[in-house]
Amino acid sequence: MRKLFISTLATLLIATGYATPSMAAAIPDYPGVEKLTRGVENSAVKKVQQALIKLGYPIPVANGKYGPATTAAIAQFYEVQGDTDDGTTLGPAGWNAIFEAINREESNTPATEEGVVEDNTVDQVKPEEVVIGDDLAAATIRAEKVSKVLARAASVKGTRYKLGGVTTKGFDCSGFVLYAMKPVGVTFNRTSRDMRRETPKITKEELLPGDLVFYHNKKGTVYHVAIYAGDGKIWHARRPGLRLAKTNIYAKRITYGRVDYT
């Protein structure tokens, strides 16, 4: 029976695009919402806290108490997934997502998402691909700088996601954008929402390599930012358990921001 369960679990994980965890990393059974509600204290909460700490969320200690720090961390985890939740309870979908992310981290196996195509190419941008108006001189400068940004992005492919990360030890989405663009003198304030405010909104038809792509949740709030690489592809630090990669754009609620490379 145990062998059958493990085989079925592996099949399901492969079918949904997740890396298969090790035998010791099977997702623990969901204990029920009554054990995962703000104010309770138990071993199930401690397991969640330990997982969130490993994923980089700012919980001081895994003490089993579902308090303000745990609530905030769970809300942040949901936000990175593109969902909105106040974190006061953790349902079965959130429980599974947290432990799936941990399994992918601990197996250190590159994982893909269903329907997401990864691309290993490095782009050399040509001036004619980034010309704005008829300013070929500015396009030449932009092409050179964007090529450097995309090459720097490619150099850190496979880096793990880390909330608040701004170094090669781990990036979050906006930390990666800052890292990739620093050598060409482009900078923003720290968060994806800051970057949305600081870049002029453009249409999909106006989008050029080196511009920014912003993901929005159902409420319209920005939760993710990526660098456009051309041909419908983006470089981005995705989310816990998934490594930094160049992928196709796979979200529907997105906007675009023009980056000034002059």
C-alpha atoms as a PDB file:
ATOM      1  CA  MET A   1       0.000   0.000   0.000  1.00  0.00           C
ATOM      2  CA  ARG A   2       2.810   2.447   0.903  1.00  0.00           C
ATOM      3  CA  LYS A   3       4.592   1.736  -2.409  1.00  0.00           C
ATOM      4  CA  LEU A   4       1.357   2.364  -4.282  1.00  0.00           C
ATOM      5  CA  PHE A   5       0.841   5.686  -2.473  1.00  0.00           C
ATOM      6  CA  ILE A   6       4.373   6.893  -3.229  1.00  0.00           C
ATOM      7  CA  SER A   7       4.078   5.877  -6.881  1.00  0.00           C
ATOM      8  CA  THR A   8       0.744   7.704  -7.197  1.00  0.00           C
ATOM      9  CA  LEU A   9       2.182  10.832  -5.534  1.00  0.00           C
ATOM     10  CA  ALA A  10       5.159  10.862  -7.900  1.00  0.00           C
ATOM     11  CA  THR A  11       2.866  10.498 -10.912  1.00  0.00           C
ATOM     12  CA  LEU A  12       0.706  13.400  -9.762  1.00  0.00           C
ATOM     13  CA  LEU A  13       3.690  15.650  -9.154  1.00  0.00           C
ATOM     14  CA  ILE A  14       5.157  14.934 -12.567  1.00  0.00           C
ATOM     15  CA  ALA A  15       1.786  15.513 -14.219  1.00  0.00           C
ATOM     16  CA  THR A  16       1.420  18.913 -12.554  1.00  0.00           C
ATOM     17  CA  GLY A  17       4.924  20.015 -13.509  1.00  0.00           C
ATOM     18  CA  TYR A  18       6.584  19.640 -10.124  1.00  0.00           C
ATOM     19  CA  ALA A  19       9.909  17.968  -9.458  1.00  0.00           C
ATOM     20  CA  THR A  20       9.393  14.656  -7.666  1.00  0.00           C
ATOM     21  CA  PRO A  21      10.484  14.948  -3.997  1.00  0.00           C
ATOM     22  CA  SER A  22      12.645  12.402  -2.259  1.00  0.00           C
ATOM     23  CA  MET A  23      10.946   9.558  -0.363  1.00  0.00           C
ATOM     24  CA  ALA A  24      11.588  11.362   2.922  1.00  0.00           C
ATOM     25  CA  ALA A  25      10.057  14.596   1.620  1.00  0.00           C
ATOM     26  CA  ALA A  26       6.458  13.449   1.097  1.00  0.00           C
ATOM     27  CA  ILE A  27       4.003  16.246   1.818  1.00  0.00           C
ATOM     28  CA  PRO A  28       2.605  15.803   5.348  1.00  0.00           C
ATOM     29  CA  ASP A  29      -1.123  15.292   5.722  1.00  0.00           C
ATOM     30  CA  TYR A  30      -3.142  18.455   6.127  1.00  0.00           C
ATOM     31  CA  PRO A  31      -4.187  18.591   9.805  1.00  0.00           C
ATOM     32  CA  GLY A  32      -7.405  20.568   9.323  1.00  0.00           C
ATOM     33  CA  VAL A  33      -8.132  24.280   9.418  1.00  0.00           C
ATOM     34  CA  GLU A  34      -8.943  24.197  13.145  1.00  0.00           C
ATOM     35  CA  LYS A  35      -5.246  23.488  13.776  1.00  0.00           C
ATOM     36  CA  LEU A  36      -4.049  26.186  11.381  1.00  0.00           C
ATOM     37  CA  THR A  37      -5.864  29.278  12.567  1.00  0.00           C
ATOM     38  CA  ARG A  38      -4.390  32.368  14.176  1.00  0.00           C
ATOM     39  CA  GLY A  39      -4.191  31.984  17.941  1.00  0.00           C
ATOM     40  CA  VAL A  40      -3.596  28.230  18.110  1.00  0.00           C
ATOM     41  CA  GLU A  41      -0.374  26.547  19.222  1.00  0.00           C
ATOM     42  CA  ASN A  42       0.508  23.053  18.011  1.00  0.00           C
ATOM     43  CA  SER A  43       2.998  20.912  16.105  1.00  0.00           C
ATOM     44  CA  ALA A  44       1.303  21.524  12.727  1.00  0.00           C
ATOM     45  CA  VAL A  45       1.924  25.263  13.049  1.00  0.00           C
ATOM     46  CA  LYS A  46       5.542  24.519  13.973  1.00  0.00           C
ATOM     47  CA  LYS A  47       5.972  22.471  10.765  1.00  0.00           C
ATOM     48  CA  VAL A  48       4.640  25.367   8.690  1.00  0.00           C
ATOM     49  CA  GLN A  49       6.895  27.823  10.497  1.00  0.00           C
ATOM     50  CA  GLN A  50       9.957  25.646   9.890  1.00  0.00           C
ATOM     51  CA  ALA A  51       9.091  25.428   6.187  1.00  0.00           C
ATOM     52  CA  LEU A  52       8.519  29.167   5.846  1.00  0.00           C
ATOM     53  CA  ILE A  53      11.794  29.938   7.622  1.00  0.00           C
ATOM     54  CA  LYS A  54      13.636  27.689   5.156  1.00  0.00           C
ATOM     55  CA  LEU A  55      11.972  29.591   2.323  1.00  0.00           C
ATOM     56  CA  GLY A  56      13.272  32.880   3.709  1.00  0.00           C
ATOM     57  CA  TYR A  57      10.200  34.285   5.440  1.00  0.00           C
ATOM     58  CA  PRO A  58      10.874  36.464   8.509  1.00  0.00           C
ATOM     59  CA  ILE A  59       9.574  34.284  11.343  1.00  0.00           C
ATOM     60  CA  PRO A  60      11.958  34.675  14.318  1.00  0.00           C
ATOM     61  CA  VAL A  61      11.537  31.148  15.687  1.00  0.00           C
ATOM     62  CA  ALA A  62       9.465  28.038  14.974  1.00  0.00           C
ATOM     63  CA  ASN A  63       7.663  27.856  18.317  1.00  0.00           C
ATOM     64  CA  GLY A  64       4.317  26.445  17.148  1.00  0.00           C
ATOM     65  CA  LYS A  65       2.409  29.631  18.019  1.00  0.00           C
ATOM     66  CA  TYR A  66       0.241  30.995  15.205  1.00  0.00           C
ATOM     67  CA  GLY A  67       0.819  34.662  15.984  1.00  0.00           C
ATOM     68  CA  PRO A  68       1.406  37.910  14.071  1.00  0.00           C
ATOM     69  CA  ALA A  69       4.727  36.863  12.480  1.00  0.00           C
ATOM     70  CA  THR A  70       3.284  33.589  11.159  1.00  0.00           C
ATOM     71  CA  THR A  71       0.154  35.359   9.944  1.00  0.00           C
ATOM     72  CA  ALA A  72       2.227  37.933   8.051  1.00  0.00           C
ATOM     73  CA  ALA A  73       4.510  35.270   6.554  1.00  0.00           C
ATOM     74  CA  ILE A  74       1.582  33.196   5.272  1.00  0.00           C
ATOM     75  CA  ALA A  75      -0.015  36.308   3.763  1.00  0.00           C
ATOM     76  CA  GLN A  76       3.312  37.115   2.056  1.00  0.00           C
ATOM     77  CA  PHE A  77       3.596  33.565   0.745  1.00  0.00           C
ATOM     78  CA  TYR A  78       0.129  33.787  -0.785  1.00  0.00           C
ATOM     79  CA  GLU A  79       0.989  37.151  -2.329  1.00  0.00           C
ATOM     80  CA  VAL A  80       4.069  35.733  -4.065  1.00  0.00           C
ATOM     81  CA  GLN A  81       1.755  33.102  -5.587  1.00  0.00           C
ATOM     82  CA  GLY A  82      -0.405  35.896  -6.969  1.00  0.00           C
ATOM     83  CA  ASP A  83      -3.211  35.333  -4.466  1.00  0.00           C
ATOM     84  CA  THR A  84      -4.668  37.570  -1.786  1.00  0.00           C
ATOM     85  CA  ASP A  85      -5.204  36.347   1.756  1.00  0.00           C
ATOM     86  CA  ASP A  86      -4.826  37.880   5.204  1.00  0.00           C
ATOM     87  CA  GLY A  87      -2.907  34.861   6.529  1.00  0.00           C
ATOM     88  CA  THR A  88      -5.179  34.250   9.512  1.00  0.00           C
ATOM     89  CA  THR A  89      -5.825  30.680   8.371  1.00  0.00           C
ATOM     90  CA  LEU A  90      -3.932  28.222   6.195  1.00  0.00           C
ATOM     91  CA  GLY A  91      -6.085  26.002   3.992  1.00  0.00           C
ATOM     92  CA  PRO A  92      -5.126  22.736   2.282  1.00  0.00           C
ATOM     93  CA  ALA A  93      -4.067  24.461  -0.973  1.00  0.00           C
ATOM     94  CA  GLY A  94      -1.693  26.777   0.882  1.00  0.00           C
ATOM     95  CA  TRP A  95      -0.363  23.909   3.028  1.00  0.00           C
ATOM     96  CA  ASN A  96       0.421  21.837  -0.072  1.00  0.00           C
ATOM     97  CA  ALA A  97       1.999  24.803  -1.884  1.00  0.00           C
ATOM     98  CA  ILE A  98       4.357  25.503   1.029  1.00  0.00           C
ATOM     99  CA  PHE A  99       5.550  21.905   1.322  1.00  0.00           C
ATOM    100  CA  GLU A 100       5.799  21.474  -2.454  1.00  0.00           C
ATOM    101  CA  ALA A 101       8.081  24.523  -2.476  1.00  0.00           C
ATOM    102  CA  ILE A 102      10.200  23.026   0.307  1.00  0.00           C
ATOM    103  CA  ASN A 103      10.464  19.701  -1.532  1.00  0.00           C
ATOM    104  CA  ARG A 104      11.710  21.460  -4.644  1.00  0.00           C
ATOM    105  CA  GLU A 105      14.225  23.475  -2.627  1.00  0.00           C
ATOM    106  CA  GLU A 106      15.558  20.467  -0.732  1.00  0.00           C
ATOM    107  CA  SER A 107      15.792  18.237  -3.807  1.00  0.00           C
ATOM    108  CA  ASN A 108      17.746  21.048  -5.517  1.00  0.00           C
ATOM    109  CA  THR A 109      16.184  19.877  -8.761  1.00  0.00           C
ATOM    110  CA  PRO A 110      15.168  22.507 -11.324  1.00  0.00           C
ATOM    111  CA  ALA A 111      11.400  22.398 -11.582  1.00  0.00           C
ATOM    112  CA  THR A 112       9.032  23.751 -14.181  1.00  0.00           C
ATOM    113  CA  GLU A 113       5.449  24.904 -13.997  1.00  0.00           C
ATOM    114  CA  GLU A 114       2.750  23.410 -16.153  1.00  0.00           C
ATOM    115  CA  GLY A 115       2.367  25.410 -19.347  1.00  0.00           C
ATOM    116  CA  VAL A 116       5.558  27.411 -18.772  1.00  0.00           C
ATOM    117  CA  VAL A 117       8.279  27.104 -21.388  1.00  0.00           C
ATOM    118  CA  GLU A 118      11.856  27.723 -20.249  1.00  0.00           C
ATOM    119  CA  ASP A 119      14.431  29.124 -22.658  1.00  0.00           C
ATOM    120  CA  ASN A 120      18.203  28.821 -22.159  1.00  0.00           C
ATOM    121  CA  THR A 121      19.300  31.274 -24.846  1.00  0.00           C
ATOM    122  CA  VAL A 122      21.205  34.507 -24.143  1.00  0.00           C
ATOM    123  CA  ASP A 123      20.004  37.466 -26.151  1.00  0.00           C
ATOM    124  CA  GLN A 124      22.150  39.941 -28.056  1.00  0.00           C
ATOM    125  CA  VAL A 125      19.844  42.847 -28.786  1.00  0.00           C
ATOM    126  CA  LYS A 126      20.124  44.777 -32.045  1.00  0.00           C
ATOM    127  CA  PRO A 127      19.426  48.545 -32.293  1.00  0.00           C
ATOM    128  CA  GLU A 128      16.561  48.010 -34.742  1.00  0.00           C
ATOM    129  CA  GLU A 129      14.836  45.837 -32.129  1.00  0.00           C
ATOM    130  CA  VAL A 130      14.683  48.624 -29.547  1.00  0.00           C
ATOM    131  CA  VAL A 131      14.300  51.807 -31.575  1.00  0.00           C
ATOM    132  CA  ILE A 132      11.830  54.335 -30.186  1.00  0.00           C
ATOM    133  CA  GLY A 133      10.517  56.701 -32.808  1.00  0.00           C
ATOM    134  CA  ASP A 134      13.332  57.236 -35.281  1.00  0.00           C
ATOM    135  CA  ASP A 135      16.169  57.836 -32.810  1.00  0.00           C
ATOM    136  CA  LEU A 136      18.736  55.287 -34.014  1.00  0.00           C
ATOM    137  CA  ALA A 137      21.519  56.794 -31.884  1.00  0.00           C
ATOM    138  CA  ALA A 138      19.492  56.252 -28.700  1.00  0.00           C
ATOM    139  CA  ALA A 139      18.526  52.769 -29.943  1.00  0.00           C
ATOM    140  CA  THR A 140      22.209  51.837 -30.298  1.00  0.00           C
ATOM    141  CA  ILE A 141      22.860  52.852 -26.687  1.00  0.00           C
ATOM    142  CA  ARG A 142      19.745  51.034 -25.480  1.00  0.00           C
ATOM    143  CA  ALA A 143      20.640  47.852 -27.388  1.00  0.00           C
ATOM    144  CA  GLU A 144      24.117  47.752 -25.855  1.00  0.00           C
ATOM    145  CA  LYS A 145      22.812  48.262 -22.323  1.00  0.00           C
ATOM    146  CA  VAL A 146      19.897  45.858 -22.652  1.00  0.00           C
ATOM    147  CA  SER A 147      22.243  43.170 -24.000  1.00  0.00           C
ATOM    148  CA  LYS A 148      24.359  43.588 -20.853  1.00  0.00           C
ATOM    149  CA  VAL A 149      21.281  43.359 -18.633  1.00  0.00           C
ATOM    150  CA  LEU A 150      20.059  40.171 -20.321  1.00  0.00           C
ATOM    151  CA  ALA A 151      23.535  38.622 -20.201  1.00  0.00           C
ATOM    152  CA  ARG A 152      23.752  39.382 -16.478  1.00  0.00           C
ATOM    153  CA  ALA A 153      20.322  37.831 -16.029  1.00  0.00           C
ATOM    154  CA  ALA A 154      21.442  34.690 -17.839  1.00  0.00           C
ATOM    155  CA  SER A 155      24.558  34.491 -15.667  1.00  0.00           C
ATOM    156  CA  VAL A 156      22.433  33.894 -12.554  1.00  0.00           C
ATOM    157  CA  LYS A 157      19.969  31.456 -14.119  1.00  0.00           C
ATOM    158  CA  GLY A 158      18.969  28.791 -11.614  1.00  0.00           C
ATOM    159  CA  THR A 159      19.410  30.975  -8.517  1.00  0.00           C
ATOM    160  CA  ARG A 160      16.891  30.112  -5.805  1.00  0.00           C
ATOM    161  CA  TYR A 161      14.060  32.424  -4.831  1.00  0.00           C
ATOM    162  CA  LYS A 162      14.581  34.167  -1.500  1.00  0.00           C
ATOM    163  CA  LEU A 163      12.202  36.709  -0.052  1.00  0.00           C
ATOM    164  CA  GLY A 164      14.108  39.984   0.277  1.00  0.00           C
ATOM    165  CA  GLY A 165      17.075  38.538  -1.613  1.00  0.00           C
ATOM    166  CA  VAL A 166      19.280  40.876  -3.634  1.00  0.00           C
ATOM    167  CA  THR A 167      22.400  38.720  -4.127  1.00  0.00           C
ATOM    168  CA  THR A 168      23.406  35.535  -5.937  1.00  0.00           C
ATOM    169  CA  LYS A 169      22.610  33.611  -2.722  1.00  0.00           C
ATOM    170  CA  GLY A 170      18.949  34.218  -3.529  1.00  0.00           C
ATOM    171  CA  PHE A 171      16.741  36.800  -5.239  1.00  0.00           C
ATOM    172  CA  ASP A 172      13.183  37.914  -4.977  1.00  0.00           C
ATOM    173  CA  CYS A 173      11.660  39.354  -8.143  1.00  0.00           C
ATOM    174  CA  SER A 174      12.512  43.016  -7.605  1.00  0.00           C
ATOM    175  CA  GLY A 175      15.894  42.223  -6.061  1.00  0.00           C
ATOM    176  CA  PHE A 176      16.783  40.384  -9.262  1.00  0.00           C
ATOM    177  CA  VAL A 177      15.748  43.344 -11.436  1.00  0.00           C
ATOM    178  CA  LEU A 178      17.959  45.662  -9.389  1.00  0.00           C
ATOM    179  CA  TYR A 179      20.868  43.222  -9.653  1.00  0.00           C
ATOM    180  CA  ALA A 180      20.531  42.760 -13.417  1.00  0.00           C
ATOM    181  CA  MET A 181      20.283  46.474 -14.163  1.00  0.00           C
ATOM    182  CA  LYS A 182      22.865  47.833 -11.740  1.00  0.00           C
ATOM    183  CA  PRO A 183      25.886  47.600 -14.140  1.00  0.00           C
ATOM    184  CA  VAL A 184      24.178  49.859 -16.703  1.00  0.00           C
ATOM    185  CA  GLY A 185      23.207  52.490 -14.131  1.00  0.00           C
ATOM    186  CA  VAL A 186      19.451  51.828 -14.076  1.00  0.00           C
ATOM    187  CA  THR A 187      17.970  51.784 -10.604  1.00  0.00           C
ATOM    188  CA  PHE A 188      14.595  51.839  -8.880  1.00  0.00           C
ATOM    189  CA  ASN A 189      13.212  51.797  -5.386  1.00  0.00           C
ATOM    190  CA  ARG A 190      13.045  48.368  -3.797  1.00  0.00           C
ATOM    191  CA  THR A 191       9.704  46.720  -4.541  1.00  0.00           C
ATOM    192  CA  SER A 192       7.796  45.646  -7.639  1.00  0.00           C
ATOM    193  CA  ARG A 193       5.110  48.169  -6.725  1.00  0.00           C
ATOM    194  CA  ASP A 194       7.732  50.920  -6.595  1.00  0.00           C
ATOM    195  CA  MET A 195       8.951  49.869 -10.042  1.00  0.00           C
ATOM    196  CA  ARG A 196       5.415  49.983 -11.401  1.00  0.00           C
ATOM    197  CA  ARG A 197       5.028  53.555 -10.138  1.00  0.00           C
ATOM    198  CA  GLU A 198       8.447  54.588 -11.464  1.00  0.00           C
ATOM    199  CA  THR A 199       8.086  53.323 -15.040  1.00  0.00           C
ATOM    200  CA  PRO A 200       5.736  54.904 -17.592  1.00  0.00           C
ATOM    201  CA  LYS A 201       2.960  52.493 -18.562  1.00  0.00           C
ATOM    202  CA  ILE A 202       3.143  51.250 -22.144  1.00  0.00           C
ATOM    203  CA  THR A 203       1.064  48.924 -24.279  1.00  0.00           C
ATOM    204  CA  LYS A 204       1.973  45.389 -25.329  1.00  0.00           C
ATOM    205  CA  GLU A 205       2.629  46.725 -28.832  1.00  0.00           C
ATOM    206  CA  GLU A 206       5.151  49.225 -27.451  1.00  0.00           C
ATOM    207  CA  LEU A 207       6.995  46.647 -25.335  1.00  0.00           C
ATOM    208  CA  LEU A 208      10.729  46.363 -26.076  1.00  0.00           C
ATOM    209  CA  PRO A 209      13.507  44.115 -24.743  1.00  0.00           C
ATOM    210  CA  GLY A 210      14.732  45.572 -21.457  1.00  0.00           C
ATOM    211  CA  ASP A 211      11.330  46.910 -20.394  1.00  0.00           C
ATOM    212  CA  LEU A 212       9.525  45.584 -17.314  1.00  0.00           C
ATOM    213  CA  VAL A 213       6.539  43.247 -17.121  1.00  0.00           C
ATOM    214  CA  PHE A 214       4.316  43.477 -14.035  1.00  0.00           C
ATOM    215  CA  TYR A 215       1.967  40.798 -12.730  1.00  0.00           C
ATOM    216  CA  HIS A 216      -1.210  41.870 -10.917  1.00  0.00           C
ATOM    217  CA  ASN A 217      -3.501  39.889  -8.620  1.00  0.00           C
ATOM    218  CA  LYS A 218      -7.308  39.883  -8.858  1.00  0.00           C
ATOM    219  CA  LYS A 219      -7.475  43.141  -6.915  1.00  0.00           C
ATOM    220  CA  GLY A 220      -5.096  44.829  -9.359  1.00  0.00           C
ATOM    221  CA  THR A 221      -2.166  44.945  -6.938  1.00  0.00           C
ATOM    222  CA  VAL A 222       1.304  44.314  -8.372  1.00  0.00           C
ATOM    223  CA  TYR A 223       2.922  41.208  -6.870  1.00  0.00           C
ATOM    224  CA  HIS A 224       5.656  40.344  -9.390  1.00  0.00           C
ATOM    225  CA  VAL A 225       8.047  42.003 -11.845  1.00  0.00           C
ATOM    226  CA  ALA A 226      10.139  40.581 -14.689  1.00  0.00           C
ATOM    227  CA  ILE A 227      12.509  41.833 -17.390  1.00  0.00           C
ATOM    228  CA  TYR A 228      11.275  41.486 -20.953  1.00  0.00           C
ATOM    229  CA  ALA A 229      13.750  39.578 -23.128  1.00  0.00           C
ATOM    230  CA  GLY A 230      11.882  39.789 -26.434  1.00  0.00           C
ATOM    231  CA  ASP A 231       9.893  37.215 -28.386  1.00  0.00           C
ATOM    232  CA  GLY A 232       7.331  36.851 -25.601  1.00  0.00           C
ATOM    233  CA  LYS A 233       9.960  35.777 -23.024  1.00  0.00           C
ATOM    234  CA  ILE A 234      10.924  37.206 -19.629  1.00  0.00           C
ATOM    235  CA  TRP A 235      13.748  36.771 -17.136  1.00  0.00           C
ATOM    236  CA  HIS A 236      12.491  36.597 -13.564  1.00  0.00           C
ATOM    237  CA  ALA A 237      12.990  35.287 -10.047  1.00  0.00           C
ATOM    238  CA  ARG A 238       9.745  33.364  -9.897  1.00  0.00           C
ATOM    239  CA  ARG A 239       8.627  32.205  -6.460  1.00  0.00           C
ATOM    240  CA  PRO A 240       9.593  29.842  -3.614  1.00  0.00           C
ATOM    241  CA  GLY A 241      10.671  26.448  -4.911  1.00  0.00           C
ATOM    242  CA  LEU A 242      11.170  27.648  -8.493  1.00  0.00           C
ATOM    243  CA  ARG A 243      14.538  28.861  -9.742  1.00  0.00           C
ATOM    244  CA  LEU A 244      15.345  32.040 -11.637  1.00  0.00           C
ATOM    245  CA  ALA A 245      14.731  31.428 -15.335  1.00  0.00           C
ATOM    246  CA  LYS A 246      13.840  32.803 -18.724  1.00  0.00           C
ATOM    247  CA  THR A 247      10.278  31.718 -19.525  1.00  0.00           C
ATOM    248  CA  ASN A 248       7.328  32.659 -21.632  1.00  0.00           C
ATOM    249  CA  ILE A 249       4.897  35.223 -20.239  1.00  0.00           C
ATOM    250  CA  TYR A 250       2.161  33.071 -18.721  1.00  0.00           C
ATOM    251  CA  ALA A 251      -0.074  35.460 -16.759  1.00  0.00           C
ATOM    252  CA  LYS A 252      -3.157  37.275 -18.014  1.00  0.00           C
ATOM    253  CA  ARG A 253      -3.276  40.197 -15.569  1.00  0.00           C
ATOM    254  CA  ILE A 254      -0.128  42.052 -16.629  1.00  0.00           C
ATOM    255  CA  THR A 255       1.012  45.559 -17.482  1.00  0.00           C
ATOM    256  CA  TYR A 256       4.218  46.882 -19.003  1.00  0.00           C
ATOM    257  CA  GLY A 257       6.639  49.640 -17.985  1.00  0.00           C
ATOM    258  CA  ARG A 258       9.145  51.541 -20.096  1.00  0.00           C
ATOM    259  CA  VAL A 259      12.717  51.541 -18.736  1.00  0.00           C
ATOM    260  CA  ASP A 260      14.880  54.585 -19.480  1.00  0.00           C
ATOM    261  CA  TYR A 261      18.382  53.463 -20.526  1.00  0.00           C
ATOM    262  CA  THR A 262      19.667  56.894 -21.530  1.00  0.00           C
END
